[in-house]
């Protein structure tokens, strides 16, 4: 049995926000818990972003498959783009494009129960994501899926990226509410893929991850949630990273929070001197895969300082003792 739930079109970049919300809504109405709702929404968002970036858009189909428990939520994201010539390398985690496509796909596989990709040069790409429904959902019949589809149609569209990110932060807090003793890391970056890659680095740590896409949201969350560590991008519109750093260090309530600057900009030694004097470390986003970052994050979360010296990968880290 295969029952259609929803079909969405991804034609404009802002559609990514609406699609992410629709994915979360579908997961909620099917009975997934908040943590799985966030995983499903993130998986759809990441693959959708790849489809928009490389193919200019996509069609996203949500279906329910199976007549016995556990049924399966199946999400197919199809595009008519140039296709992927090295699918095997991508799935094995061996391929890294200059824009991080391989990282996005391999990371998304960990968010769902089953993952499949069909692609060939000139024939487009179809990614299939599968997540088994929780036992408490029982077996849903066609009439229930029709009712679910009607409920989805009534729900308000997403109010914009800022609102969506606020809701995502709230979801993460709710999911981790029972683990409030766990530490919190605030990731500040206006690029969704960069935030995702930093989350992947931090995922093995027992910490709740908060996210902000601009300086004003970063300052609000810092003062409200008092994170144990902040990763900070420099090149953001409005309040940039240095402006945020000034605000944090000027406030007695936030000046002691460790800050790691993670930027895609290639900084000269002179450009590094200013933020390095106020942050615990400055590194390039290309260094996120370096295994030696583990010791840095471990010590910063545990003690608020890092004893390391020298280099991470090929770039020097500027440290404040």
Protein backbone atom coordinates (compact mmCIF):
# COMPACT_ATOMS: atom_id res chain seq x y z
CA UNK A 1 0.00 0.00 0.00
CA UNK A 2 1.32 3.42 -0.96
CA UNK A 3 -0.64 6.53 0.06
CA UNK A 4 0.16 10.05 -1.12
CA UNK A 5 0.45 12.64 1.65
CA UNK A 6 1.85 15.78 0.05
CA UNK A 7 3.74 17.00 -3.01
CA UNK A 8 5.81 20.19 -2.78
CA UNK A 9 7.74 22.15 -5.38
CA UNK A 10 11.11 23.73 -4.74
CA UNK A 11 11.53 26.55 -7.26
CA UNK A 12 12.95 29.44 -5.25
CA UNK A 13 15.45 29.57 -2.41
CA UNK A 14 12.78 30.78 0.02
CA UNK A 15 10.81 27.60 -0.75
CA UNK A 16 13.38 25.75 1.38
CA UNK A 17 11.87 27.32 4.48
CA UNK A 18 8.34 26.27 3.53
CA UNK A 19 9.47 22.74 2.62
CA UNK A 20 11.30 22.34 5.91
CA UNK A 21 8.15 23.35 7.80
CA UNK A 22 6.00 21.00 5.72
CA UNK A 23 8.39 18.12 6.47
CA UNK A 24 8.18 18.84 10.17
CA UNK A 25 4.39 19.10 10.02
CA UNK A 26 4.09 15.76 8.20
CA UNK A 27 6.34 14.10 10.78
CA UNK A 28 4.36 15.58 13.66
CA UNK A 29 1.00 14.45 12.29
CA UNK A 30 2.33 10.93 11.70
CA UNK A 31 3.27 10.66 15.37
CA UNK A 32 7.05 11.15 15.33
CA UNK A 33 8.53 12.64 18.49
CA UNK A 34 10.05 16.16 18.39
CA UNK A 35 13.60 14.87 17.95
CA UNK A 36 12.65 12.80 14.91
CA UNK A 37 10.57 15.69 13.55
CA UNK A 38 13.72 17.81 13.60
CA UNK A 39 15.81 15.04 12.00
CA UNK A 40 13.30 14.57 9.18
CA UNK A 41 12.96 18.32 8.57
CA UNK A 42 16.75 18.72 8.52
CA UNK A 43 17.23 15.81 6.10
CA UNK A 44 14.67 17.23 3.67
CA UNK A 45 16.16 20.71 4.01
CA UNK A 46 19.72 19.53 3.32
CA UNK A 47 18.86 17.43 0.25
CA UNK A 48 16.49 20.14 -0.98
CA UNK A 49 19.25 22.72 -0.70
CA UNK A 50 21.58 20.51 -2.75
CA UNK A 51 18.86 20.11 -5.42
CA UNK A 52 18.28 23.85 -5.56
CA UNK A 53 21.99 24.64 -5.71
CA UNK A 54 22.95 22.09 -8.37
CA UNK A 55 19.71 21.60 -10.33
CA UNK A 56 17.77 24.83 -9.80
CA UNK A 57 14.85 23.14 -8.05
CA UNK A 58 13.12 19.87 -7.26
CA UNK A 59 9.84 18.07 -6.62
CA UNK A 60 9.36 16.59 -3.16
CA UNK A 61 6.85 13.77 -2.60
CA UNK A 62 5.76 12.56 0.83
CA UNK A 63 4.10 9.13 0.94
CA UNK A 64 3.18 6.46 3.47
CA UNK A 65 4.04 2.89 2.50
CA UNK A 66 3.11 -0.45 4.01
CA UNK A 67 -0.11 -2.10 5.21
CA UNK A 68 1.29 -3.50 8.48
CA UNK A 69 3.28 -2.05 11.36
CA UNK A 70 5.72 -0.46 11.12
CA UNK A 71 4.67 1.64 8.17
CA UNK A 72 7.26 3.84 6.49
CA UNK A 73 7.33 7.54 5.70
CA UNK A 74 8.93 7.79 2.25
CA UNK A 75 10.20 11.13 0.97
CA UNK A 76 11.46 11.37 -2.62
CA UNK A 77 13.32 14.47 -3.76
CA UNK A 78 13.69 14.51 -7.56
CA UNK A 79 15.37 17.02 -9.82
CA UNK A 80 16.09 17.34 -13.53
CA UNK A 81 19.61 18.63 -13.12
CA UNK A 82 22.95 17.45 -14.49
CA UNK A 83 23.08 14.38 -12.25
CA UNK A 84 25.97 12.97 -10.22
CA UNK A 85 28.65 10.97 -11.98
CA UNK A 86 30.37 9.63 -8.85
CA UNK A 87 27.45 8.39 -6.75
CA UNK A 88 29.43 5.56 -5.15
CA UNK A 89 32.15 7.91 -3.90
CA UNK A 90 29.52 10.27 -2.49
CA UNK A 91 27.69 7.50 -0.63
CA UNK A 92 30.96 6.09 0.73
CA UNK A 93 31.92 9.51 2.06
CA UNK A 94 34.97 9.60 -0.20
CA UNK A 95 33.90 12.56 -2.34
CA UNK A 96 34.24 16.19 -1.26
CA UNK A 97 33.18 18.95 -3.63
CA UNK A 98 34.41 22.51 -3.19
CA UNK A 99 30.91 23.43 -1.92
CA UNK A 100 30.54 20.47 0.42
CA UNK A 101 27.89 18.45 -1.45
CA UNK A 102 29.38 15.11 -0.39
CA UNK A 103 29.41 16.14 3.26
CA UNK A 104 25.74 17.15 3.07
CA UNK A 105 24.64 13.83 1.58
CA UNK A 106 26.68 11.59 3.87
CA UNK A 107 25.55 13.58 6.90
CA UNK A 108 21.90 13.31 5.89
CA UNK A 109 22.12 9.52 5.73
CA UNK A 110 22.58 9.46 9.50
CA UNK A 111 19.30 11.28 10.08
CA UNK A 112 17.02 8.65 8.52
CA UNK A 113 16.54 4.87 8.65
CA UNK A 114 17.07 4.21 4.95
CA UNK A 115 18.69 6.33 2.27
CA UNK A 116 18.95 5.78 -1.47
CA UNK A 117 20.14 7.88 -4.37
CA UNK A 118 19.66 7.30 -8.10
CA UNK A 119 21.56 9.54 -10.48
CA UNK A 120 23.38 9.58 -13.78
CA UNK A 121 24.99 12.38 -15.81
CA UNK A 122 22.32 14.25 -17.76
CA UNK A 123 19.42 12.34 -16.17
CA UNK A 124 18.88 14.18 -12.90
CA UNK A 125 18.91 12.85 -9.35
CA UNK A 126 16.33 11.22 -7.09
CA UNK A 127 17.05 10.88 -3.37
CA UNK A 128 14.76 8.65 -1.30
CA UNK A 129 14.58 9.07 2.48
CA UNK A 130 12.75 6.51 4.64
CA UNK A 131 11.81 6.69 8.31
CA UNK A 132 9.85 3.97 10.13
CA UNK A 133 6.78 5.23 11.98
CA UNK A 134 6.87 4.85 15.76
CA UNK A 135 4.99 1.90 17.21
CA UNK A 136 2.45 4.16 18.92
CA UNK A 137 1.22 5.40 15.53
CA UNK A 138 -0.32 2.01 14.81
CA UNK A 139 -1.40 1.29 11.23
CA UNK A 140 -2.80 4.30 9.37
CA UNK A 141 -5.49 3.72 6.72
CA UNK A 142 -6.31 5.75 3.61
CA UNK A 143 -9.04 7.74 5.37
CA UNK A 144 -6.61 8.83 8.08
CA UNK A 145 -4.04 9.93 5.52
CA UNK A 146 -6.72 11.94 3.69
CA UNK A 147 -7.56 13.64 6.98
CA UNK A 148 -3.87 14.30 7.61
CA UNK A 149 -3.49 15.86 4.14
CA UNK A 150 -6.48 18.12 4.81
CA UNK A 151 -4.93 19.23 8.10
CA UNK A 152 -1.66 20.05 6.33
CA UNK A 153 -3.53 22.22 3.83
CA UNK A 154 -5.02 24.27 6.68
CA UNK A 155 -1.75 25.00 8.38
CA UNK A 156 -0.19 28.40 7.93
CA UNK A 157 2.88 28.66 5.68
CA UNK A 158 6.26 29.39 7.18
CA UNK A 159 6.66 33.02 8.24
CA UNK A 160 10.22 33.32 6.96
CA UNK A 161 13.77 32.09 7.73
CA UNK A 162 14.01 34.03 11.02
CA UNK A 163 10.78 32.53 12.37
CA UNK A 164 11.75 29.06 11.16
CA UNK A 165 15.12 29.23 12.91
CA UNK A 166 13.50 30.43 16.13
CA UNK A 167 11.14 27.46 16.02
CA UNK A 168 14.04 25.12 15.34
CA UNK A 169 15.86 26.46 18.39
CA UNK A 170 12.72 25.98 20.46
CA UNK A 171 12.35 22.41 19.22
CA UNK A 172 15.91 21.60 20.20
CA UNK A 173 15.34 23.02 23.65
CA UNK A 174 12.15 21.01 24.10
CA UNK A 175 13.72 17.78 22.89
CA UNK A 176 16.63 18.23 25.28
CA UNK A 177 14.54 19.63 28.12
CA UNK A 178 15.15 16.61 30.33
CA UNK A 179 18.89 16.99 29.79
CA UNK A 180 19.28 20.58 30.95
CA UNK A 181 22.48 19.73 32.77
CA UNK A 182 24.09 19.03 29.45
CA UNK A 183 26.14 21.86 28.05
CA UNK A 184 24.96 24.19 25.32
CA UNK A 185 26.82 25.37 22.24
CA UNK A 186 25.60 28.35 20.23
CA UNK A 187 26.47 28.17 16.51
CA UNK A 188 26.35 31.61 14.89
CA UNK A 189 26.48 31.60 11.10
CA UNK A 190 24.18 32.93 8.36
CA UNK A 191 24.95 29.98 6.07
CA UNK A 192 22.80 26.87 6.70
CA UNK A 193 25.35 24.43 5.29
CA UNK A 194 28.10 25.84 7.53
CA UNK A 195 25.86 25.45 10.57
CA UNK A 196 25.13 21.87 9.53
CA UNK A 197 28.84 21.03 9.18
CA UNK A 198 29.58 22.49 12.61
CA UNK A 199 26.70 20.45 14.05
CA UNK A 200 28.31 17.35 12.57
CA UNK A 201 31.56 18.14 14.37
CA UNK A 202 29.70 18.67 17.65
CA UNK A 203 27.26 15.77 17.39
CA UNK A 204 29.39 13.36 19.43
CA UNK A 205 29.48 15.72 22.39
CA UNK A 206 26.80 15.63 25.12
CA UNK A 207 25.63 19.15 24.36
CA UNK A 208 22.51 20.92 23.16
CA UNK A 209 23.12 22.97 20.02
CA UNK A 210 21.49 26.36 19.52
CA UNK A 211 21.70 28.28 16.25
CA UNK A 212 21.54 31.92 15.19
CA UNK A 213 21.62 33.34 11.66
CA UNK A 214 22.47 36.94 12.60
CA UNK A 215 24.12 38.98 15.33
CA UNK A 216 20.94 40.17 17.02
CA UNK A 217 19.63 36.62 17.45
CA UNK A 218 23.07 35.53 18.66
CA UNK A 219 23.15 38.18 21.38
CA UNK A 220 19.57 37.42 22.44
CA UNK A 221 20.23 33.69 22.75
CA UNK A 222 23.54 34.25 24.53
CA UNK A 223 21.96 36.45 27.19
CA UNK A 224 18.91 34.22 27.52
CA UNK A 225 20.50 30.75 27.42
CA UNK A 226 24.07 31.41 28.62
CA UNK A 227 25.76 28.84 26.34
CA UNK A 228 28.96 27.12 27.43
CA UNK A 229 30.64 27.72 24.06
CA UNK A 230 30.01 29.90 21.00
CA UNK A 231 31.22 29.27 17.44
CA UNK A 232 31.15 32.51 15.51
CA UNK A 233 31.32 33.38 11.81
CA UNK A 234 32.92 36.71 10.87
CA UNK A 235 31.30 37.59 7.56
CA UNK A 236 27.62 38.24 8.35
CA UNK A 237 25.43 41.17 7.34
CA UNK A 238 24.20 43.59 9.98
CA UNK A 239 26.23 42.86 13.09
CA UNK A 240 29.30 40.99 11.87
CA UNK A 241 31.38 38.61 13.94
CA UNK A 242 33.69 41.28 15.33
CA UNK A 243 30.71 43.42 16.37
CA UNK A 244 29.21 40.44 18.21
CA UNK A 245 32.55 39.72 19.86
CA UNK A 246 32.75 43.35 21.06
CA UNK A 247 29.26 43.09 22.59
CA UNK A 248 30.01 39.77 24.29
CA UNK A 249 33.27 40.94 25.83
CA UNK A 250 31.78 44.25 26.99
CA UNK A 251 28.99 42.50 28.94
CA UNK A 252 30.09 41.11 32.34
CA UNK A 253 27.44 38.40 32.01
CA UNK A 254 28.85 37.01 28.75
CA UNK A 255 32.53 37.98 28.59
CA UNK A 256 33.73 34.70 30.12
CA UNK A 257 31.99 32.47 27.54
CA UNK A 258 34.60 30.78 25.30
CA UNK A 259 34.37 31.83 21.64
CA UNK A 260 35.80 29.99 18.64
CA UNK A 261 35.78 31.98 15.42
CA UNK A 262 35.15 29.76 12.38
CA UNK A 263 35.38 31.67 9.10
CA UNK A 264 35.63 30.90 5.39
CA UNK A 265 37.68 34.05 4.81
CA UNK A 266 41.41 33.62 4.32
CA UNK A 267 42.81 35.99 6.93
CA UNK A 268 46.22 37.55 6.83
CA UNK A 269 48.33 37.48 9.98
CA UNK A 270 47.40 41.11 10.61
CA UNK A 271 43.67 40.39 10.22
CA UNK A 272 43.93 37.49 12.66
CA UNK A 273 45.54 39.57 15.41
CA UNK A 274 42.39 41.52 16.36
CA UNK A 275 39.89 38.65 16.86
CA UNK A 276 42.62 36.38 18.21
CA UNK A 277 43.19 38.77 21.09
CA UNK A 278 39.58 38.33 22.26
CA UNK A 279 38.57 34.82 21.12
CA UNK A 280 39.89 31.46 22.26
CA UNK A 281 40.70 30.34 18.73
CA UNK A 282 40.42 31.42 15.10
CA UNK A 283 40.22 28.80 12.38
CA UNK A 284 39.12 28.35 8.79
CA UNK A 285 36.01 26.36 7.86
CA UNK A 286 38.17 24.08 5.75
CA UNK A 287 39.64 22.76 9.02
CA UNK A 288 36.32 21.43 10.37
CA UNK A 289 37.19 17.86 9.39
CA UNK A 290 40.48 17.82 11.30
CA UNK A 291 40.36 15.21 14.08
CA UNK A 292 42.49 17.37 16.35
CA UNK A 293 39.55 19.69 16.81
CA UNK A 294 38.11 17.07 19.15
CA UNK A 295 40.59 17.88 21.90
CA UNK A 296 39.97 21.60 21.50
CA UNK A 297 36.17 21.35 21.83
CA UNK A 298 36.49 18.84 24.68
CA UNK A 299 38.71 21.14 26.73
CA UNK A 300 36.73 24.28 25.94
CA UNK A 301 33.48 22.64 27.02
CA UNK A 302 35.04 21.16 30.14
CA UNK A 303 37.26 23.98 31.33
CA UNK A 304 36.49 27.10 29.24
CA UNK A 305 40.08 27.25 27.98
CA UNK A 306 42.28 25.24 25.63
CA UNK A 307 45.86 24.23 26.38
CA UNK A 308 46.71 23.42 22.76
CA UNK A 309 49.39 25.22 20.82
CA UNK A 310 50.63 25.32 17.24
CA UNK A 311 48.50 24.37 14.25
CA UNK A 312 45.32 22.57 13.34
CA UNK A 313 45.74 21.19 9.83
CA UNK A 314 47.65 23.67 7.68
CA UNK A 315 46.49 26.86 9.38
CA UNK A 316 47.74 28.35 12.64
CA UNK A 317 45.33 28.75 15.53
CA UNK A 318 45.60 31.98 17.47
CA UNK A 319 44.90 31.31 21.10
CA UNK A 320 44.08 33.39 24.12
CA UNK A 321 45.44 31.79 27.29
